[in-house]
Amino acid sequence: VVIFELAHRHWAHVDPWRVQEFLQSERSRSDSSWTSSQKGMLDSVCQHWWRHFAPLGERGVGAVFLLAQLAVTCFAVQIDLALTDWRKAFFNVLQARDRVGFHRQLWDFVPIAAASTLASIYDGYLTTMWDLRWREELTHDFTSLWLAERSYYYVRFGSPAAEGTIDNFDQRIVEDTALFASNSRALICSAVSAAMRLAVFGPALIRIAPTPHVWQLCLVLSFTSSVFTHVVGHPLSTRSAALQRSEADFRTSLMRLRIFAEDIALQQGEAAEGANAARYFENIKAATWLAARGTLNLTLFTSAYGLASGVLPFLVLVP
């Protein structure tokens, strides 16, 4: 570990000055106050969510997908509860060396396994269709904004450093709409699934806990781990955005070769264009390295918590 921490940046051939530039930009974003542009962005997010989920709105298809996802999630939670009860009965008959009960438990496992397989298959299919439908709505909205009043033309005269200026519009329409749809759906479904599992397994945990300290410790650990996971993983949001921006800049620099191929060939500007592309790729390396470091820190914490969460409840029971 010591050798890796001392030499990993050299192995990756990352420019330390570019890393510092990204870190300074990250600090400036984290230290900035709540600006009007951030408030406007939050309002836009809420508006897109409302248009997608409002059952009486002009779209409202998100409400249908949400209800279907709730049904699948409820079904999956009930399967998990049935599987938990089956494990208890299975190990009881195994400990009692009951041959007849053992075969009966194997037959009981078949419908549970079949239901679990069906729930997993249709959950994946439903989420894919939901992401696609939501992305279609967002793509239509942003394409209309991009073409309305010739925004695609007038934006070239704006300052790239100005606050609120959007860069790489093609990527915003192609990739960001897909990311917004999938991440929003995952956030909503994860919250609903967690609430359902807490409502189903919470009373069971309280009922079978030998002492109240066990389930109280589980709740405290869950809440504390969620807070610390957010604190440790928060820099990844800024670093992922910086990596996405660097990838888009590099892609744009390569697109110049195709768009201005004749001009570059006549002026023999291959060396300049190659140096420009190499500079943008150095930004990708620095942004990737920072994102990898953030992922390493988050994985270190989650792995340590995953190991500790299986041991700490037993320490409460130690006399």
Protein backbone atom coordinates (compact mmCIF):
# COMPACT_ATOMS: atom_id res chain seq x y z
CA VAL A 1 0.00 0.00 0.00
CA VAL A 2 2.81 2.42 0.85
CA ILE A 3 4.60 1.70 -2.44
CA PHE A 4 1.38 2.15 -4.37
CA GLU A 5 0.53 5.46 -2.68
CA LEU A 6 4.02 6.79 -3.40
CA ALA A 7 4.29 5.65 -7.01
CA HIS A 8 0.77 5.39 -8.44
CA ARG A 9 0.70 8.91 -9.86
CA HIS A 10 4.01 8.30 -11.63
CA TRP A 11 2.75 5.02 -13.04
CA ALA A 12 -0.35 6.74 -14.41
CA HIS A 13 1.75 9.52 -16.06
CA VAL A 14 -0.60 12.17 -14.68
CA ASP A 15 0.42 15.83 -14.84
CA PRO A 16 0.31 17.13 -11.22
CA TRP A 17 -0.37 20.68 -12.35
CA ARG A 18 -3.54 19.62 -14.14
CA VAL A 19 -4.61 17.68 -11.06
CA GLN A 20 -4.18 20.82 -8.97
CA GLU A 21 -6.25 22.81 -11.44
CA PHE A 22 -9.09 20.32 -11.15
CA LEU A 23 -8.81 20.33 -7.33
CA GLN A 24 -8.90 24.12 -7.21
CA SER A 25 -11.98 24.13 -9.42
CA GLU A 26 -13.55 21.51 -7.16
CA ARG A 27 -12.85 23.61 -4.04
CA SER A 28 -14.24 26.75 -5.64
CA ARG A 29 -17.45 24.91 -6.51
CA SER A 30 -17.79 23.46 -3.01
CA ASP A 31 -17.07 26.82 -1.32
CA SER A 32 -19.46 28.80 -3.51
CA SER A 33 -22.72 29.89 -1.97
CA TRP A 34 -26.18 29.00 -3.19
CA THR A 35 -26.35 31.04 -6.40
CA SER A 36 -29.33 31.96 -8.53
CA SER A 37 -28.15 29.57 -11.28
CA GLN A 38 -28.12 26.66 -8.82
CA LYS A 39 -31.59 27.56 -7.62
CA GLY A 40 -32.75 27.78 -11.24
CA MET A 41 -31.24 24.37 -11.93
CA LEU A 42 -33.12 22.87 -8.98
CA ASP A 43 -36.34 24.47 -10.20
CA SER A 44 -35.77 23.00 -13.67
CA VAL A 45 -35.21 19.53 -12.19
CA CYS A 46 -38.45 19.77 -10.21
CA GLN A 47 -40.30 20.94 -13.30
CA HIS A 48 -39.03 17.98 -15.37
CA TRP A 49 -39.97 15.60 -12.59
CA TRP A 50 -43.45 17.10 -12.31
CA ARG A 51 -44.07 16.95 -16.05
CA HIS A 52 -43.01 13.31 -16.07
CA PHE A 53 -45.01 12.17 -13.04
CA ALA A 54 -48.07 14.44 -13.00
CA PRO A 55 -50.99 12.05 -13.68
CA LEU A 56 -53.19 14.86 -15.01
CA GLY A 57 -50.47 16.57 -17.02
CA GLU A 58 -49.79 16.48 -20.72
CA ARG A 59 -47.53 13.46 -20.23
CA GLY A 60 -47.75 11.75 -16.86
CA VAL A 61 -46.43 8.44 -18.15
CA GLY A 62 -43.95 8.39 -15.26
CA ALA A 63 -46.82 7.77 -12.82
CA VAL A 64 -47.73 4.60 -14.70
CA PHE A 65 -44.15 3.33 -14.67
CA LEU A 66 -43.80 4.28 -11.00
CA LEU A 67 -46.91 2.30 -10.03
CA ALA A 68 -45.65 -0.69 -12.02
CA GLN A 69 -42.25 -0.40 -10.36
CA LEU A 70 -43.91 -0.21 -6.94
CA ALA A 71 -45.79 -3.42 -7.69
CA VAL A 72 -42.62 -5.22 -8.78
CA THR A 73 -40.70 -3.90 -5.78
CA CYS A 74 -43.43 -4.99 -3.37
CA PHE A 75 -43.44 -8.43 -4.99
CA ALA A 76 -39.64 -8.65 -4.68
CA VAL A 77 -39.76 -7.65 -1.00
CA GLN A 78 -42.33 -10.33 -0.29
CA ILE A 79 -40.11 -12.86 -2.07
CA ASP A 80 -37.17 -11.83 0.12
CA LEU A 81 -39.34 -12.24 3.20
CA ALA A 82 -40.46 -15.69 2.05
CA LEU A 83 -36.85 -16.62 1.32
CA THR A 84 -35.82 -15.52 4.82
CA ASP A 85 -38.52 -17.71 6.37
CA TRP A 86 -37.51 -20.59 4.10
CA ARG A 87 -33.86 -20.36 5.19
CA LYS A 88 -34.92 -20.52 8.82
CA ALA A 89 -37.02 -23.65 8.24
CA PHE A 90 -34.37 -25.22 5.99
CA PHE A 91 -31.58 -24.94 8.52
CA ASN A 92 -33.88 -26.17 11.30
CA VAL A 93 -34.65 -29.41 9.44
CA LEU A 94 -31.00 -29.70 8.46
CA GLN A 95 -29.93 -29.42 12.08
CA ALA A 96 -32.61 -31.92 13.14
CA ARG A 97 -31.49 -34.35 10.37
CA ASP A 98 -35.09 -34.61 9.20
CA ARG A 99 -34.90 -36.29 5.77
CA VAL A 100 -38.60 -35.87 4.97
CA GLY A 101 -38.60 -32.22 6.02
CA PHE A 102 -35.41 -31.64 4.02
CA HIS A 103 -37.04 -32.84 0.77
CA ARG A 104 -40.16 -30.83 1.55
CA GLN A 105 -38.07 -27.69 1.95
CA LEU A 106 -36.39 -28.32 -1.40
CA TRP A 107 -39.80 -28.48 -3.09
CA ASP A 108 -40.85 -25.30 -1.26
CA PHE A 109 -37.80 -23.53 -2.66
CA VAL A 110 -38.84 -24.11 -6.29
CA PRO A 111 -41.74 -21.58 -6.44
CA ILE A 112 -39.71 -19.05 -4.46
CA ALA A 113 -36.81 -19.33 -6.91
CA ALA A 114 -39.14 -19.10 -9.91
CA ALA A 115 -40.86 -16.01 -8.53
CA SER A 116 -37.51 -14.39 -7.73
CA THR A 117 -36.28 -15.03 -11.27
CA LEU A 118 -39.41 -13.54 -12.82
CA ALA A 119 -39.21 -10.48 -10.57
CA SER A 120 -35.57 -9.86 -11.54
CA ILE A 121 -36.25 -10.26 -15.26
CA TYR A 122 -39.25 -7.95 -15.40
CA ASP A 123 -37.67 -5.43 -13.05
CA GLY A 124 -34.73 -5.02 -15.45
CA TYR A 125 -37.02 -4.80 -18.48
CA LEU A 126 -39.31 -2.28 -16.81
CA THR A 127 -36.46 0.00 -15.74
CA THR A 128 -34.99 -0.06 -19.26
CA MET A 129 -38.29 0.92 -20.84
CA TRP A 130 -38.83 3.61 -18.20
CA ASP A 131 -35.38 5.11 -18.82
CA LEU A 132 -35.99 5.09 -22.57
CA ARG A 133 -39.39 6.79 -22.31
CA TRP A 134 -38.08 9.46 -19.92
CA ARG A 135 -35.04 10.04 -22.12
CA GLU A 136 -37.31 10.47 -25.14
CA GLU A 137 -39.23 13.23 -23.38
CA LEU A 138 -36.06 15.04 -22.29
CA THR A 139 -34.45 14.72 -25.71
CA HIS A 140 -37.51 16.22 -27.36
CA ASP A 141 -37.55 19.12 -24.88
CA PHE A 142 -33.86 19.98 -25.15
CA THR A 143 -33.74 19.57 -28.91
CA SER A 144 -36.62 22.01 -29.19
CA LEU A 145 -34.80 24.47 -26.91
CA TRP A 146 -31.62 24.03 -28.93
CA LEU A 147 -33.36 24.80 -32.22
CA ALA A 148 -35.76 27.45 -30.95
CA GLU A 149 -34.89 31.06 -31.85
CA ARG A 150 -31.66 29.83 -33.45
CA SER A 151 -29.96 29.16 -30.15
CA TYR A 152 -27.53 26.82 -31.88
CA TYR A 153 -26.21 29.85 -33.81
CA TYR A 154 -26.20 32.63 -31.22
CA VAL A 155 -24.54 30.51 -28.52
CA ARG A 156 -21.27 30.59 -30.46
CA PHE A 157 -20.96 34.29 -29.63
CA GLY A 158 -21.23 33.75 -25.88
CA SER A 159 -18.27 33.64 -23.51
CA PRO A 160 -17.34 30.07 -22.47
CA ALA A 161 -16.20 31.34 -19.06
CA ALA A 162 -19.47 33.12 -18.26
CA GLU A 163 -21.61 31.72 -15.47
CA GLY A 164 -24.39 29.48 -16.70
CA THR A 165 -22.77 28.89 -20.10
CA ILE A 166 -23.34 25.34 -21.34
CA ASP A 167 -20.50 23.60 -23.14
CA ASN A 168 -20.62 20.70 -25.59
CA PHE A 169 -24.30 20.87 -26.44
CA ASP A 170 -24.24 17.65 -28.43
CA GLN A 171 -23.11 15.71 -25.38
CA ARG A 172 -25.68 17.42 -23.15
CA ILE A 173 -28.48 16.28 -25.42
CA VAL A 174 -27.12 12.80 -26.08
CA GLU A 175 -25.61 11.73 -22.76
CA ASP A 176 -26.92 14.01 -20.05
CA THR A 177 -30.55 13.27 -20.85
CA ALA A 178 -29.87 9.54 -20.51
CA LEU A 179 -27.95 10.08 -17.26
CA PHE A 180 -30.65 12.30 -15.80
CA ALA A 181 -33.39 9.80 -16.63
CA SER A 182 -31.55 6.73 -15.34
CA ASN A 183 -30.18 8.40 -12.20
CA SER A 184 -33.54 9.94 -11.31
CA ARG A 185 -35.29 6.62 -11.77
CA ALA A 186 -32.63 4.80 -9.73
CA LEU A 187 -32.87 7.36 -6.93
CA ILE A 188 -36.66 7.11 -6.73
CA CYS A 189 -36.76 3.32 -6.96
CA SER A 190 -33.97 2.89 -4.40
CA ALA A 191 -35.75 5.15 -1.92
CA VAL A 192 -39.05 3.31 -2.40
CA SER A 193 -37.37 -0.10 -2.12
CA ALA A 194 -35.52 0.92 1.06
CA ALA A 195 -38.74 2.23 2.63
CA MET A 196 -40.60 -0.98 1.78
CA ARG A 197 -37.86 -3.21 3.13
CA LEU A 198 -37.72 -1.18 6.33
CA ALA A 199 -41.49 -1.47 6.74
CA VAL A 200 -41.43 -5.25 6.14
CA PHE A 201 -38.22 -6.34 7.86
CA GLY A 202 -38.18 -3.69 10.60
CA PRO A 203 -40.95 -5.28 12.71
CA ALA A 204 -39.41 -8.72 12.16
CA LEU A 205 -36.03 -7.43 13.35
CA ILE A 206 -37.60 -5.91 16.46
CA ARG A 207 -39.52 -9.11 17.13
CA ILE A 208 -36.60 -11.55 16.87
CA ALA A 209 -33.92 -9.32 18.41
CA PRO A 210 -32.78 -10.81 21.75
CA THR A 211 -32.33 -7.32 23.23
CA PRO A 212 -33.52 -3.89 22.09
CA HIS A 213 -29.89 -2.82 21.77
CA VAL A 214 -29.47 -5.04 18.69
CA TRP A 215 -32.10 -3.40 16.47
CA GLN A 216 -31.25 0.03 17.86
CA LEU A 217 -27.62 -0.52 16.90
CA CYS A 218 -28.68 -1.62 13.41
CA LEU A 219 -30.68 1.57 12.89
CA VAL A 220 -27.87 3.77 14.20
CA LEU A 221 -25.32 1.99 11.99
CA SER A 222 -27.54 2.39 8.92
CA PHE A 223 -28.09 6.09 9.51
CA THR A 224 -24.44 6.79 10.36
CA SER A 225 -23.14 4.84 7.38
CA SER A 226 -25.49 6.72 5.04
CA VAL A 227 -24.22 10.08 6.30
CA PHE A 228 -20.55 9.08 6.08
CA THR A 229 -21.05 7.52 2.64
CA HIS A 230 -22.49 10.82 1.43
CA VAL A 231 -19.58 12.78 2.91
CA VAL A 232 -16.92 10.46 1.48
CA GLY A 233 -18.55 10.08 -1.93
CA HIS A 234 -19.69 13.68 -2.40
CA PRO A 235 -16.54 14.77 -4.31
CA LEU A 236 -17.28 12.10 -6.91
CA SER A 237 -20.18 14.14 -8.30
CA THR A 238 -17.92 17.06 -9.20
CA ARG A 239 -15.14 14.79 -10.43
CA SER A 240 -17.46 12.74 -12.60
CA ALA A 241 -18.80 15.94 -14.16
CA ALA A 242 -15.23 17.14 -14.79
CA LEU A 243 -14.36 13.80 -16.42
CA GLN A 244 -17.46 13.97 -18.62
CA ARG A 245 -16.57 17.54 -19.62
CA SER A 246 -12.99 16.51 -20.45
CA GLU A 247 -14.20 13.61 -22.59
CA ALA A 248 -16.52 15.96 -24.48
CA ASP A 249 -13.74 18.50 -25.06
CA PHE A 250 -11.47 15.78 -26.42
CA ARG A 251 -14.25 14.51 -28.69
CA THR A 252 -14.85 18.06 -29.95
CA SER A 253 -11.17 18.52 -30.75
CA LEU A 254 -11.26 15.38 -32.88
CA MET A 255 -14.46 16.50 -34.59
CA ARG A 256 -12.61 19.59 -35.77
CA LEU A 257 -10.42 17.38 -37.95
CA ARG A 258 -13.48 16.12 -39.79
CA ILE A 259 -15.32 19.45 -40.00
CA PHE A 260 -12.30 21.54 -41.04
CA ALA A 261 -10.39 18.78 -42.81
CA GLU A 262 -9.79 20.81 -45.98
CA ASP A 263 -8.59 23.93 -44.14
CA ILE A 264 -6.26 21.94 -41.90
CA ALA A 265 -4.80 20.07 -44.87
CA LEU A 266 -4.22 23.26 -46.87
CA GLN A 267 -2.57 25.05 -43.95
CA GLN A 268 -0.64 21.93 -42.83
CA GLY A 269 -2.03 22.27 -39.35
CA GLU A 270 -1.78 18.61 -38.39
CA ALA A 271 0.88 19.28 -35.74
CA ALA A 272 -1.19 22.01 -34.07
CA GLU A 273 -4.34 19.91 -34.09
CA GLY A 274 -2.43 16.93 -32.70
CA ALA A 275 -1.00 19.06 -29.89
CA ASN A 276 -4.47 20.42 -29.15
CA ALA A 277 -5.93 16.89 -28.94
CA ALA A 278 -3.04 15.76 -26.73
CA ARG A 279 -3.69 18.66 -24.36
CA TYR A 280 -7.32 17.71 -24.02
CA PHE A 281 -6.38 14.08 -23.43
CA GLU A 282 -4.09 15.15 -20.58
CA ASN A 283 -7.18 16.68 -18.98
CA ILE A 284 -8.91 13.31 -19.34
CA LYS A 285 -6.03 11.58 -17.58
CA ALA A 286 -6.07 14.04 -14.68
CA ALA A 287 -9.86 13.90 -14.33
CA THR A 288 -9.85 10.09 -14.52
CA TRP A 289 -7.15 9.89 -11.86
CA LEU A 290 -9.14 12.13 -9.50
CA ALA A 291 -12.32 10.14 -10.11
CA ALA A 292 -10.43 6.90 -9.45
CA ARG A 293 -9.07 8.31 -6.19
CA GLY A 294 -12.56 9.31 -5.11
CA THR A 295 -13.87 5.85 -5.98
CA LEU A 296 -10.99 4.28 -4.03
CA ASN A 297 -11.86 6.29 -0.91
CA LEU A 298 -15.55 5.42 -1.21
CA THR A 299 -14.81 1.72 -1.77
CA LEU A 300 -12.45 1.71 1.21
CA PHE A 301 -15.17 3.06 3.49
CA THR A 302 -17.99 0.86 2.15
CA SER A 303 -15.83 -2.28 2.32
CA ALA A 304 -14.79 -1.53 5.90
CA TYR A 305 -18.40 -0.82 6.88
CA GLY A 306 -19.60 -3.99 5.13
CA LEU A 307 -17.19 -6.08 7.19
CA ALA A 308 -17.89 -4.25 10.43
CA SER A 309 -21.68 -4.39 10.07
CA GLY A 310 -21.55 -8.19 10.21
CA VAL A 311 -19.56 -8.17 13.46
CA LEU A 312 -20.78 -5.21 15.50
CA PRO A 313 -24.28 -6.60 16.27
CA PHE A 314 -22.67 -9.70 17.77
CA LEU A 315 -20.48 -7.56 20.02
CA VAL A 316 -23.65 -6.25 21.66
CA LEU A 317 -24.60 -9.82 22.63
CA VAL A 318 -21.20 -10.60 24.17
CA PRO A 319 -21.60 -10.84 27.96
